[in-house]
Amino acid sequence: MSAKALLYYAAKMCDKGGNQHKTLTPMFTAIVKYLVPEHAKEIIDQAINVFGGYGYFLEQEVERRYRDNRICEIYEGTVEVQLNTMLRTLRSVNLDFLKEVLI
């Protein structure tokens, strides 16, 4: 699933409300906060490889995007915080329906 589709799905869940959606909303928002900066980091790293040493110069757009992405990762919560939120949400949800599917 693309990050954009996942973001729209999480926003839809927030808009709908309801008890089931309230329990799963933190997990989907944490997934979006985890995936988007991680994908951006991979893309920016590839761009810096293309630019070489010039990618680190302050005048380059790539360097600014690297700084902006890095602060976004820190500001929205580190990777570990987002993973903990996902795990905490999964622990609180009743996953008994998986037993029937997997058996």
PDB file of N, CA and C in Angstrom:
ATOM      1  N   MET A   1       0.852  -1.174   0.000  1.00  0.00           N
ATOM      2  CA  MET A   1       0.000   0.000   0.000  1.00  0.00           C
ATOM      3  C   MET A   1       0.900   1.240   0.000  1.00  0.00           C
ATOM      4  N   SER A   2       0.583   2.185  -0.816  1.00  0.00           N
ATOM      5  CA  SER A   2       1.415   3.376  -0.878  1.00  0.00           C
ATOM      6  C   SER A   2       1.195   4.236   0.362  1.00  0.00           C
ATOM      7  N   ALA A   3       2.169   5.071   0.650  1.00  0.00           N
ATOM      8  CA  ALA A   3       2.083   5.930   1.828  1.00  0.00           C
ATOM      9  C   ALA A   3       0.930   6.917   1.707  1.00  0.00           C
ATOM     10  N   LYS A   4       0.676   7.387   0.491  1.00  0.00           N
ATOM     11  CA  LYS A   4      -0.409   8.344   0.281  1.00  0.00           C
ATOM     12  C   LYS A   4      -1.766   7.692   0.554  1.00  0.00           C
ATOM     13  N   ALA A   5      -1.954   6.479   0.064  1.00  0.00           N
ATOM     14  CA  ALA A   5      -3.205   5.765   0.298  1.00  0.00           C
ATOM     15  C   ALA A   5      -3.382   5.466   1.782  1.00  0.00           C
ATOM     16  N   LEU A   6      -2.301   5.106   2.434  1.00  0.00           N
ATOM     17  CA  LEU A   6      -2.355   4.839   3.868  1.00  0.00           C
ATOM     18  C   LEU A   6      -2.692   6.100   4.652  1.00  0.00           C
ATOM     19  N   LEU A   7      -2.131   7.234   4.237  1.00  0.00           N
ATOM     20  CA  LEU A   7      -2.440   8.508   4.870  1.00  0.00           C
ATOM     21  C   LEU A   7      -3.912   8.848   4.720  1.00  0.00           C
ATOM     22  N   TYR A   8      -4.459   8.672   3.523  1.00  0.00           N
ATOM     23  CA  TYR A   8      -5.876   8.953   3.288  1.00  0.00           C
ATOM     24  C   TYR A   8      -6.763   8.011   4.105  1.00  0.00           C
ATOM     25  N   TYR A   9      -6.361   6.748   4.218  1.00  0.00           N
ATOM     26  CA  TYR A   9      -7.139   5.792   5.008  1.00  0.00           C
ATOM     27  C   TYR A   9      -7.138   6.180   6.483  1.00  0.00           C
ATOM     28  N   ALA A  10      -5.983   6.597   6.999  1.00  0.00           N
ATOM     29  CA  ALA A  10      -5.909   7.033   8.400  1.00  0.00           C
ATOM     30  C   ALA A  10      -6.758   8.279   8.625  1.00  0.00           C
ATOM     31  N   ALA A  11      -6.745   9.214   7.676  1.00  0.00           N
ATOM     32  CA  ALA A  11      -7.576  10.420   7.798  1.00  0.00           C
ATOM     33  C   ALA A  11      -9.054  10.063   7.758  1.00  0.00           C
ATOM     34  N   LYS A  12      -9.420   9.110   6.924  1.00  0.00           N
ATOM     35  CA  LYS A  12     -10.810   8.656   6.849  1.00  0.00           C
ATOM     36  C   LYS A  12     -11.243   8.028   8.162  1.00  0.00           C
ATOM     37  N   MET A  13     -10.354   7.254   8.777  1.00  0.00           N
ATOM     38  CA  MET A  13     -10.673   6.649  10.067  1.00  0.00           C
ATOM     39  C   MET A  13     -10.860   7.716  11.145  1.00  0.00           C
ATOM     40  N   CYS A  14     -10.037   8.754  11.103  1.00  0.00           N
ATOM     41  CA  CYS A  14     -10.176   9.843  12.077  1.00  0.00           C
ATOM     42  C   CYS A  14     -11.498  10.570  11.896  1.00  0.00           C
ATOM     43  N   ASP A  15     -11.917  10.747  10.659  1.00  0.00           N
ATOM     44  CA  ASP A  15     -13.173  11.444  10.384  1.00  0.00           C
ATOM     45  C   ASP A  15     -14.387  10.630  10.800  1.00  0.00           C
ATOM     46  N   LYS A  16     -14.341   9.311  10.594  1.00  0.00           N
ATOM     47  CA  LYS A  16     -15.490   8.466  10.902  1.00  0.00           C
ATOM     48  C   LYS A  16     -15.762   8.393  12.399  1.00  0.00           C
ATOM     49  N   GLY A  17     -14.693   8.292  13.184  1.00  0.00           N
ATOM     50  CA  GLY A  17     -14.884   8.143  14.624  1.00  0.00           C
ATOM     51  C   GLY A  17     -15.321   6.728  14.950  1.00  0.00           C
ATOM     52  N   GLY A  18     -16.089   6.565  16.000  1.00  0.00           N
ATOM     53  CA  GLY A  18     -16.537   5.240  16.412  1.00  0.00           C
ATOM     54  C   GLY A  18     -15.508   4.575  17.307  1.00  0.00           C
ATOM     55  N   ASN A  19     -15.968   3.604  18.096  1.00  0.00           N
ATOM     56  CA  ASN A  19     -15.080   2.951  19.063  1.00  0.00           C
ATOM     57  C   ASN A  19     -13.988   2.132  18.398  1.00  0.00           C
ATOM     58  N   GLN A  20     -14.353   1.368  17.358  1.00  0.00           N
ATOM     59  CA  GLN A  20     -13.347   0.539  16.691  1.00  0.00           C
ATOM     60  C   GLN A  20     -12.306   1.408  16.013  1.00  0.00           C
ATOM     61  N   HIS A  21     -12.751   2.488  15.387  1.00  0.00           N
ATOM     62  CA  HIS A  21     -11.819   3.370  14.698  1.00  0.00           C
ATOM     63  C   HIS A  21     -10.930   4.117  15.684  1.00  0.00           C
ATOM     64  N   LYS A  22     -11.455   4.429  16.864  1.00  0.00           N
ATOM     65  CA  LYS A  22     -10.653   5.151  17.857  1.00  0.00           C
ATOM     66  C   LYS A  22      -9.499   4.301  18.363  1.00  0.00           C
ATOM     67  N   THR A  23      -9.686   2.995  18.426  1.00  0.00           N
ATOM     68  CA  THR A  23      -8.604   2.145  18.912  1.00  0.00           C
ATOM     69  C   THR A  23      -7.538   1.923  17.846  1.00  0.00           C
ATOM     70  N   LEU A  24      -7.921   1.918  16.578  1.00  0.00           N
ATOM     71  CA  LEU A  24      -6.954   1.658  15.508  1.00  0.00           C
ATOM     72  C   LEU A  24      -6.321   2.918  14.926  1.00  0.00           C
ATOM     73  N   THR A  25      -6.919   4.070  15.178  1.00  0.00           N
ATOM     74  CA  THR A  25      -6.403   5.315  14.611  1.00  0.00           C
ATOM     75  C   THR A  25      -4.965   5.602  15.026  1.00  0.00           C
ATOM     76  N   PRO A  26      -4.589   5.438  16.307  1.00  0.00           N
ATOM     77  CA  PRO A  26      -3.181   5.693  16.662  1.00  0.00           C
ATOM     78  C   PRO A  26      -2.196   4.802  15.915  1.00  0.00           C
ATOM     79  N   MET A  27      -2.599   3.567  15.628  1.00  0.00           N
ATOM     80  CA  MET A  27      -1.698   2.675  14.917  1.00  0.00           C
ATOM     81  C   MET A  27      -1.482   3.156  13.479  1.00  0.00           C
ATOM     82  N   PHE A  28      -2.553   3.523  12.796  1.00  0.00           N
ATOM     83  CA  PHE A  28      -2.410   3.962  11.410  1.00  0.00           C
ATOM     84  C   PHE A  28      -1.674   5.291  11.310  1.00  0.00           C
ATOM     85  N   THR A  29      -1.912   6.198  12.232  1.00  0.00           N
ATOM     86  CA  THR A  29      -1.164   7.457  12.197  1.00  0.00           C
ATOM     87  C   THR A  29       0.312   7.212  12.496  1.00  0.00           C
ATOM     88  N   ALA A  30       0.613   6.274  13.400  1.00  0.00           N
ATOM     89  CA  ALA A  30       2.007   5.942  13.687  1.00  0.00           C
ATOM     90  C   ALA A  30       2.674   5.298  12.476  1.00  0.00           C
ATOM     91  N   ILE A  31       1.932   4.474  11.745  1.00  0.00           N
ATOM     92  CA  ILE A  31       2.485   3.848  10.542  1.00  0.00           C
ATOM     93  C   ILE A  31       2.834   4.914   9.510  1.00  0.00           C
ATOM     94  N   VAL A  32       1.932   5.884   9.333  1.00  0.00           N
ATOM     95  CA  VAL A  32       2.199   6.961   8.377  1.00  0.00           C
ATOM     96  C   VAL A  32       3.397   7.785   8.827  1.00  0.00           C
ATOM     97  N   LYS A  33       3.466   8.123  10.123  1.00  0.00           N
ATOM     98  CA  LYS A  33       4.582   8.915  10.642  1.00  0.00           C
ATOM     99  C   LYS A  33       5.898   8.155  10.561  1.00  0.00           C
ATOM    100  N   TYR A  34       5.825   6.844  10.523  1.00  0.00           N
ATOM    101  CA  TYR A  34       7.030   6.024  10.406  1.00  0.00           C
ATOM    102  C   TYR A  34       7.455   5.872   8.944  1.00  0.00           C
ATOM    103  N   LEU A  35       6.496   5.574   8.069  1.00  0.00           N
ATOM    104  CA  LEU A  35       6.834   5.240   6.683  1.00  0.00           C
ATOM    105  C   LEU A  35       7.256   6.436   5.842  1.00  0.00           C
ATOM    106  N   VAL A  36       6.548   7.543   5.964  1.00  0.00           N
ATOM    107  CA  VAL A  36       6.819   8.678   5.078  1.00  0.00           C
ATOM    108  C   VAL A  36       8.240   9.206   5.252  1.00  0.00           C
ATOM    109  N   PRO A  37       8.708   9.513   6.474  1.00  0.00           N
ATOM    110  CA  PRO A  37      10.103   9.971   6.595  1.00  0.00           C
ATOM    111  C   PRO A  37      11.131   8.909   6.203  1.00  0.00           C
ATOM    112  N   GLU A  38      10.817   7.639   6.432  1.00  0.00           N
ATOM    113  CA  GLU A  38      11.750   6.579   6.057  1.00  0.00           C
ATOM    114  C   GLU A  38      11.903   6.497   4.533  1.00  0.00           C
ATOM    115  N   HIS A  39      10.788   6.572   3.809  1.00  0.00           N
ATOM    116  CA  HIS A  39      10.865   6.565   2.344  1.00  0.00           C
ATOM    117  C   HIS A  39      11.556   7.820   1.832  1.00  0.00           C
ATOM    118  N   ALA A  40      11.252   8.953   2.448  1.00  0.00           N
ATOM    119  CA  ALA A  40      11.897  10.201   2.029  1.00  0.00           C
ATOM    120  C   ALA A  40      13.403  10.126   2.261  1.00  0.00           C
ATOM    121  N   LYS A  41      13.806   9.506   3.369  1.00  0.00           N
ATOM    122  CA  LYS A  41      15.233   9.372   3.668  1.00  0.00           C
ATOM    123  C   LYS A  41      15.936   8.545   2.594  1.00  0.00           C
ATOM    124  N   GLU A  42      15.304   7.461   2.154  1.00  0.00           N
ATOM    125  CA  GLU A  42      15.898   6.630   1.109  1.00  0.00           C
ATOM    126  C   GLU A  42      16.056   7.412  -0.194  1.00  0.00           C
ATOM    127  N   ILE A  43      15.032   8.171  -0.548  1.00  0.00           N
ATOM    128  CA  ILE A  43      15.078   8.950  -1.788  1.00  0.00           C
ATOM    129  C   ILE A  43      16.137  10.037  -1.705  1.00  0.00           C
ATOM    130  N   ILE A  44      16.201  10.723  -0.564  1.00  0.00           N
ATOM    131  CA  ILE A  44      17.186  11.796  -0.392  1.00  0.00           C
ATOM    132  C   ILE A  44      18.601  11.232  -0.390  1.00  0.00           C
ATOM    133  N   ASP A  45      18.795  10.065   0.227  1.00  0.00           N
ATOM    134  CA  ASP A  45      20.121   9.431   0.202  1.00  0.00           C
ATOM    135  C   ASP A  45      20.560   9.112  -1.223  1.00  0.00           C
ATOM    136  N   GLN A  46      19.624   8.644  -2.035  1.00  0.00           N
ATOM    137  CA  GLN A  46      19.957   8.366  -3.430  1.00  0.00           C
ATOM    138  C   GLN A  46      20.294   9.652  -4.177  1.00  0.00           C
ATOM    139  N   ALA A  47      19.574  10.723  -3.882  1.00  0.00           N
ATOM    140  CA  ALA A  47      19.853  12.010  -4.533  1.00  0.00           C
ATOM    141  C   ALA A  47      21.219  12.541  -4.120  1.00  0.00           C
ATOM    142  N   ILE A  48      21.580  12.381  -2.854  1.00  0.00           N
ATOM    143  CA  ILE A  48      22.899  12.824  -2.394  1.00  0.00           C
ATOM    144  C   ILE A  48      23.991  11.998  -3.069  1.00  0.00           C
ATOM    145  N   ASN A  49      23.743  10.717  -3.286  1.00  0.00           N
ATOM    146  CA  ASN A  49      24.715   9.893  -4.008  1.00  0.00           C
ATOM    147  C   ASN A  49      24.905  10.389  -5.427  1.00  0.00           C
ATOM    148  N   VAL A  50      23.830  10.820  -6.067  1.00  0.00           N
ATOM    149  CA  VAL A  50      23.926  11.334  -7.425  1.00  0.00           C
ATOM    150  C   VAL A  50      24.727  12.636  -7.446  1.00  0.00           C
ATOM    151  N   PHE A  51      24.450  13.526  -6.482  1.00  0.00           N
ATOM    152  CA  PHE A  51      25.127  14.818  -6.430  1.00  0.00           C
ATOM    153  C   PHE A  51      26.565  14.691  -5.925  1.00  0.00           C
ATOM    154  N   GLY A  52      26.851  13.637  -5.186  1.00  0.00           N
ATOM    155  CA  GLY A  52      28.193  13.474  -4.625  1.00  0.00           C
ATOM    156  C   GLY A  52      28.434  14.485  -3.523  1.00  0.00           C
ATOM    157  N   GLY A  53      29.629  15.046  -3.471  1.00  0.00           N
ATOM    158  CA  GLY A  53      29.987  16.017  -2.436  1.00  0.00           C
ATOM    159  C   GLY A  53      29.177  17.296  -2.514  1.00  0.00           C
ATOM    160  N   TYR A  54      28.683  17.623  -3.701  1.00  0.00           N
ATOM    161  CA  TYR A  54      27.886  18.842  -3.851  1.00  0.00           C
ATOM    162  C   TYR A  54      26.543  18.733  -3.136  1.00  0.00           C
ATOM    163  N   GLY A  55      26.103  17.523  -2.842  1.00  0.00           N
ATOM    164  CA  GLY A  55      24.830  17.331  -2.157  1.00  0.00           C
ATOM    165  C   GLY A  55      24.823  17.864  -0.737  1.00  0.00           C
ATOM    166  N   TYR A  56      26.020  18.058  -0.169  1.00  0.00           N
ATOM    167  CA  TYR A  56      26.115  18.556   1.200  1.00  0.00           C
ATOM    168  C   TYR A  56      26.270  20.069   1.290  1.00  0.00           C
ATOM    169  N   PHE A  57      26.442  20.734   0.168  1.00  0.00           N
ATOM    170  CA  PHE A  57      26.585  22.191   0.197  1.00  0.00           C
ATOM    171  C   PHE A  57      25.270  22.837   0.582  1.00  0.00           C
ATOM    172  N   LEU A  58      25.362  23.917   1.344  1.00  0.00           N
ATOM    173  CA  LEU A  58      24.165  24.595   1.833  1.00  0.00           C
ATOM    174  C   LEU A  58      23.326  25.189   0.710  1.00  0.00           C
ATOM    175  N   GLU A  59      23.935  25.473  -0.432  1.00  0.00           N
ATOM    176  CA  GLU A  59      23.191  26.069  -1.530  1.00  0.00           C
ATOM    177  C   GLU A  59      22.328  25.047  -2.264  1.00  0.00           C
ATOM    178  N   GLN A  60      22.567  23.782  -2.038  1.00  0.00           N
ATOM    179  CA  GLN A  60      21.855  22.737  -2.775  1.00  0.00           C
ATOM    180  C   GLN A  60      20.498  22.438  -2.142  1.00  0.00           C
ATOM    181  N   GLU A  61      19.530  22.179  -2.982  1.00  0.00           N
ATOM    182  CA  GLU A  61      18.176  21.822  -2.534  1.00  0.00           C
ATOM    183  C   GLU A  61      18.183  20.469  -1.805  1.00  0.00           C
ATOM    184  N   VAL A  62      19.058  19.588  -2.208  1.00  0.00           N
ATOM    185  CA  VAL A  62      19.126  18.254  -1.601  1.00  0.00           C
ATOM    186  C   VAL A  62      19.502  18.365  -0.124  1.00  0.00           C
ATOM    187  N   GLU A  63      20.437  19.239   0.178  1.00  0.00           N
ATOM    188  CA  GLU A  63      20.867  19.403   1.569  1.00  0.00           C
ATOM    189  C   GLU A  63      19.729  19.944   2.423  1.00  0.00           C
ATOM    190  N   ARG A  64      18.962  20.879   1.894  1.00  0.00           N
ATOM    191  CA  ARG A  64      17.837  21.441   2.645  1.00  0.00           C
ATOM    192  C   ARG A  64      16.774  20.378   2.893  1.00  0.00           C
ATOM    193  N   ARG A  65      16.514  19.582   1.873  1.00  0.00           N
ATOM    194  CA  ARG A  65      15.521  18.510   2.043  1.00  0.00           C
ATOM    195  C   ARG A  65      15.982  17.480   3.065  1.00  0.00           C
ATOM    196  N   TYR A  66      17.284  17.211   3.096  1.00  0.00           N
ATOM    197  CA  TYR A  66      17.816  16.285   4.099  1.00  0.00           C
ATOM    198  C   TYR A  66      17.582  16.834   5.508  1.00  0.00           C
ATOM    199  N   ARG A  67      17.887  18.107   5.714  1.00  0.00           N
ATOM    200  CA  ARG A  67      17.666  18.723   7.028  1.00  0.00           C
ATOM    201  C   ARG A  67      16.188  18.736   7.388  1.00  0.00           C
ATOM    202  N   ASP A  68      15.330  19.097   6.437  1.00  0.00           N
ATOM    203  CA  ASP A  68      13.899  19.151   6.713  1.00  0.00           C
ATOM    204  C   ASP A  68      13.333  17.782   7.055  1.00  0.00           C
ATOM    205  N   ASN A  69      13.779  16.760   6.342  1.00  0.00           N
ATOM    206  CA  ASN A  69      13.304  15.413   6.623  1.00  0.00           C
ATOM    207  C   ASN A  69      13.796  14.936   7.978  1.00  0.00           C
ATOM    208  N   ARG A  70      15.024  15.255   8.298  1.00  0.00           N
ATOM    209  CA  ARG A  70      15.583  14.813   9.584  1.00  0.00           C
ATOM    210  C   ARG A  70      14.841  15.443  10.760  1.00  0.00           C
ATOM    211  N   ILE A  71      14.534  16.728  10.657  1.00  0.00           N
ATOM    212  CA  ILE A  71      13.816  17.371  11.747  1.00  0.00           C
ATOM    213  C   ILE A  71      12.386  16.857  11.817  1.00  0.00           C
ATOM    214  N   CYS A  72      11.814  16.491  10.677  1.00  0.00           N
ATOM    215  CA  CYS A  72      10.468  15.914  10.673  1.00  0.00           C
ATOM    216  C   CYS A  72      10.458  14.579  11.415  1.00  0.00           C
ATOM    217  N   GLU A  73      11.499  13.788  11.219  1.00  0.00           N
ATOM    218  CA  GLU A  73      11.607  12.514  11.940  1.00  0.00           C
ATOM    219  C   GLU A  73      11.670  12.744  13.442  1.00  0.00           C
ATOM    220  N   ILE A  74      12.417  13.747  13.854  1.00  0.00           N
ATOM    221  CA  ILE A  74      12.589  14.002  15.280  1.00  0.00           C
ATOM    222  C   ILE A  74      11.329  14.646  15.862  1.00  0.00           C
ATOM    223  N   TYR A  75      10.761  15.594  15.145  1.00  0.00           N
ATOM    224  CA  TYR A  75       9.617  16.343  15.646  1.00  0.00           C
ATOM    225  C   TYR A  75       8.386  15.458  15.792  1.00  0.00           C
ATOM    226  N   GLU A  76       8.123  14.608  14.837  1.00  0.00           N
ATOM    227  CA  GLU A  76       6.944  13.750  14.873  1.00  0.00           C
ATOM    228  C   GLU A  76       7.126  12.538  15.785  1.00  0.00           C
ATOM    229  N   GLY A  77       8.277  12.384  16.346  1.00  0.00           N
ATOM    230  CA  GLY A  77       8.559  11.230  17.194  1.00  0.00           C
ATOM    231  C   GLY A  77       9.540  10.325  16.493  1.00  0.00           C
ATOM    232  N   THR A  78      10.483   9.826  17.232  1.00  0.00           N
ATOM    233  CA  THR A  78      11.498   8.983  16.614  1.00  0.00           C
ATOM    234  C   THR A  78      10.883   7.670  16.135  1.00  0.00           C
ATOM    235  N   VAL A  79      11.656   6.934  15.379  1.00  0.00           N
ATOM    236  CA  VAL A  79      11.198   5.660  14.835  1.00  0.00           C
ATOM    237  C   VAL A  79      10.775   4.721  15.964  1.00  0.00           C
ATOM    238  N   GLU A  80      11.541   4.701  17.034  1.00  0.00           N
ATOM    239  CA  GLU A  80      11.226   3.811  18.147  1.00  0.00           C
ATOM    240  C   GLU A  80       9.899   4.173  18.803  1.00  0.00           C
ATOM    241  N   VAL A  81       9.612   5.476  18.917  1.00  0.00           N
ATOM    242  CA  VAL A  81       8.346   5.908  19.512  1.00  0.00           C
ATOM    243  C   VAL A  81       7.181   5.447  18.639  1.00  0.00           C
ATOM    244  N   GLN A  82       7.309   5.592  17.329  1.00  0.00           N
ATOM    245  CA  GLN A  82       6.235   5.177  16.428  1.00  0.00           C
ATOM    246  C   GLN A  82       6.046   3.659  16.472  1.00  0.00           C
ATOM    247  N   LEU A  83       7.133   2.909  16.530  1.00  0.00           N
ATOM    248  CA  LEU A  83       7.019   1.455  16.623  1.00  0.00           C
ATOM    249  C   LEU A  83       6.377   1.034  17.938  1.00  0.00           C
ATOM    250  N   ASN A  84       6.704   1.722  19.026  1.00  0.00           N
ATOM    251  CA  ASN A  84       6.071   1.432  20.313  1.00  0.00           C
ATOM    252  C   ASN A  84       4.577   1.731  20.276  1.00  0.00           C
ATOM    253  N   THR A  85       4.193   2.806  19.614  1.00  0.00           N
ATOM    254  CA  THR A  85       2.773   3.140  19.488  1.00  0.00           C
ATOM    255  C   THR A  85       2.034   2.063  18.697  1.00  0.00           C
ATOM    256  N   MET A  86       2.638   1.591  17.608  1.00  0.00           N
ATOM    257  CA  MET A  86       2.015   0.529  16.824  1.00  0.00           C
ATOM    258  C   MET A  86       1.848  -0.737  17.656  1.00  0.00           C
ATOM    259  N   LEU A  87       2.886  -1.100  18.384  1.00  0.00           N
ATOM    260  CA  LEU A  87       2.839  -2.308  19.204  1.00  0.00           C
ATOM    261  C   LEU A  87       1.807  -2.189  20.312  1.00  0.00           C
ATOM    262  N   ARG A  88       1.764  -1.040  20.971  1.00  0.00           N
ATOM    263  CA  ARG A  88       0.800  -0.818  22.047  1.00  0.00           C
ATOM    264  C   ARG A  88      -0.632  -0.909  21.525  1.00  0.00           C
ATOM    265  N   THR A  89      -0.874  -0.375  20.335  1.00  0.00           N
ATOM    266  CA  THR A  89      -2.208  -0.439  19.757  1.00  0.00           C
ATOM    267  C   THR A  89      -2.574  -1.866  19.392  1.00  0.00           C
ATOM    268  N   LEU A  90      -1.642  -2.603  18.818  1.00  0.00           N
ATOM    269  CA  LEU A  90      -1.923  -4.000  18.458  1.00  0.00           C
ATOM    270  C   LEU A  90      -2.179  -4.861  19.692  1.00  0.00           C
ATOM    271  N   ARG A  91      -1.514  -4.553  20.778  1.00  0.00           N
ATOM    272  CA  ARG A  91      -1.750  -5.310  22.018  1.00  0.00           C
ATOM    273  C   ARG A  91      -3.136  -5.044  22.588  1.00  0.00           C
ATOM    274  N   SER A  92      -3.644  -3.835  22.379  1.00  0.00           N
ATOM    275  CA  SER A  92      -4.952  -3.490  22.950  1.00  0.00           C
ATOM    276  C   SER A  92      -6.120  -4.000  22.103  1.00  0.00           C
ATOM    277  N   VAL A  93      -5.857  -4.353  20.843  1.00  0.00           N
ATOM    278  CA  VAL A  93      -6.918  -4.807  19.946  1.00  0.00           C
ATOM    279  C   VAL A  93      -7.064  -6.312  20.089  1.00  0.00           C
ATOM    280  N   ASN A  94      -8.297  -6.779  20.047  1.00  0.00           N
ATOM    281  CA  ASN A  94      -8.577  -8.206  20.115  1.00  0.00           C
ATOM    282  C   ASN A  94      -8.278  -8.824  18.753  1.00  0.00           C
ATOM    283  N   LEU A  95      -7.289  -9.678  18.696  1.00  0.00           N
ATOM    284  CA  LEU A  95      -6.873 -10.290  17.435  1.00  0.00           C
ATOM    285  C   LEU A  95      -7.292 -11.761  17.330  1.00  0.00           C
ATOM    286  N   ASP A  96      -8.364 -12.134  18.029  1.00  0.00           N
ATOM    287  CA  ASP A  96      -8.807 -13.513  17.999  1.00  0.00           C
ATOM    288  C   ASP A  96      -9.287 -13.946  16.614  1.00  0.00           C
ATOM    289  N   PHE A  97      -9.720 -12.990  15.796  1.00  0.00           N
ATOM    290  CA  PHE A  97     -10.189 -13.341  14.451  1.00  0.00           C
ATOM    291  C   PHE A  97      -9.055 -13.918  13.612  1.00  0.00           C
ATOM    292  N   LEU A  98      -7.801 -13.633  13.950  1.00  0.00           N
ATOM    293  CA  LEU A  98      -6.681 -14.185  13.202  1.00  0.00           C
ATOM    294  C   LEU A  98      -6.547 -15.696  13.403  1.00  0.00           C
ATOM    295  N   LYS A  99      -6.946 -16.169  14.568  1.00  0.00           N
ATOM    296  CA  LYS A  99      -6.855 -17.617  14.822  1.00  0.00           C
ATOM    297  C   LYS A  99      -7.704 -18.385  13.835  1.00  0.00           C
ATOM    298  N   GLU A 100      -8.907 -17.872  13.543  1.00  0.00           N
ATOM    299  CA  GLU A 100      -9.803 -18.551  12.596  1.00  0.00           C
ATOM    300  C   GLU A 100      -9.241 -18.488  11.187  1.00  0.00           C
ATOM    301  N   VAL A 101      -8.623 -17.392  10.833  1.00  0.00           N
ATOM    302  CA  VAL A 101      -8.090 -17.225   9.486  1.00  0.00           C
ATOM    303  C   VAL A 101      -6.859 -18.104   9.278  1.00  0.00           C
ATOM    304  N   LEU A 102      -5.997 -18.171  10.279  1.00  0.00           N
ATOM    305  CA  LEU A 102      -4.738 -18.900  10.144  1.00  0.00           C
ATOM    306  C   LEU A 102      -4.899 -20.411  10.289  1.00  0.00           C
ATOM    307  N   ILE A 103      -5.989 -20.862  10.888  1.00  0.00           N
ATOM    308  CA  ILE A 103      -6.166 -22.303  11.107  1.00  0.00           C
ATOM    309  C   ILE A 103      -6.716 -22.988   9.884  1.00  0.00           C
TER     310      ILE A 103
END
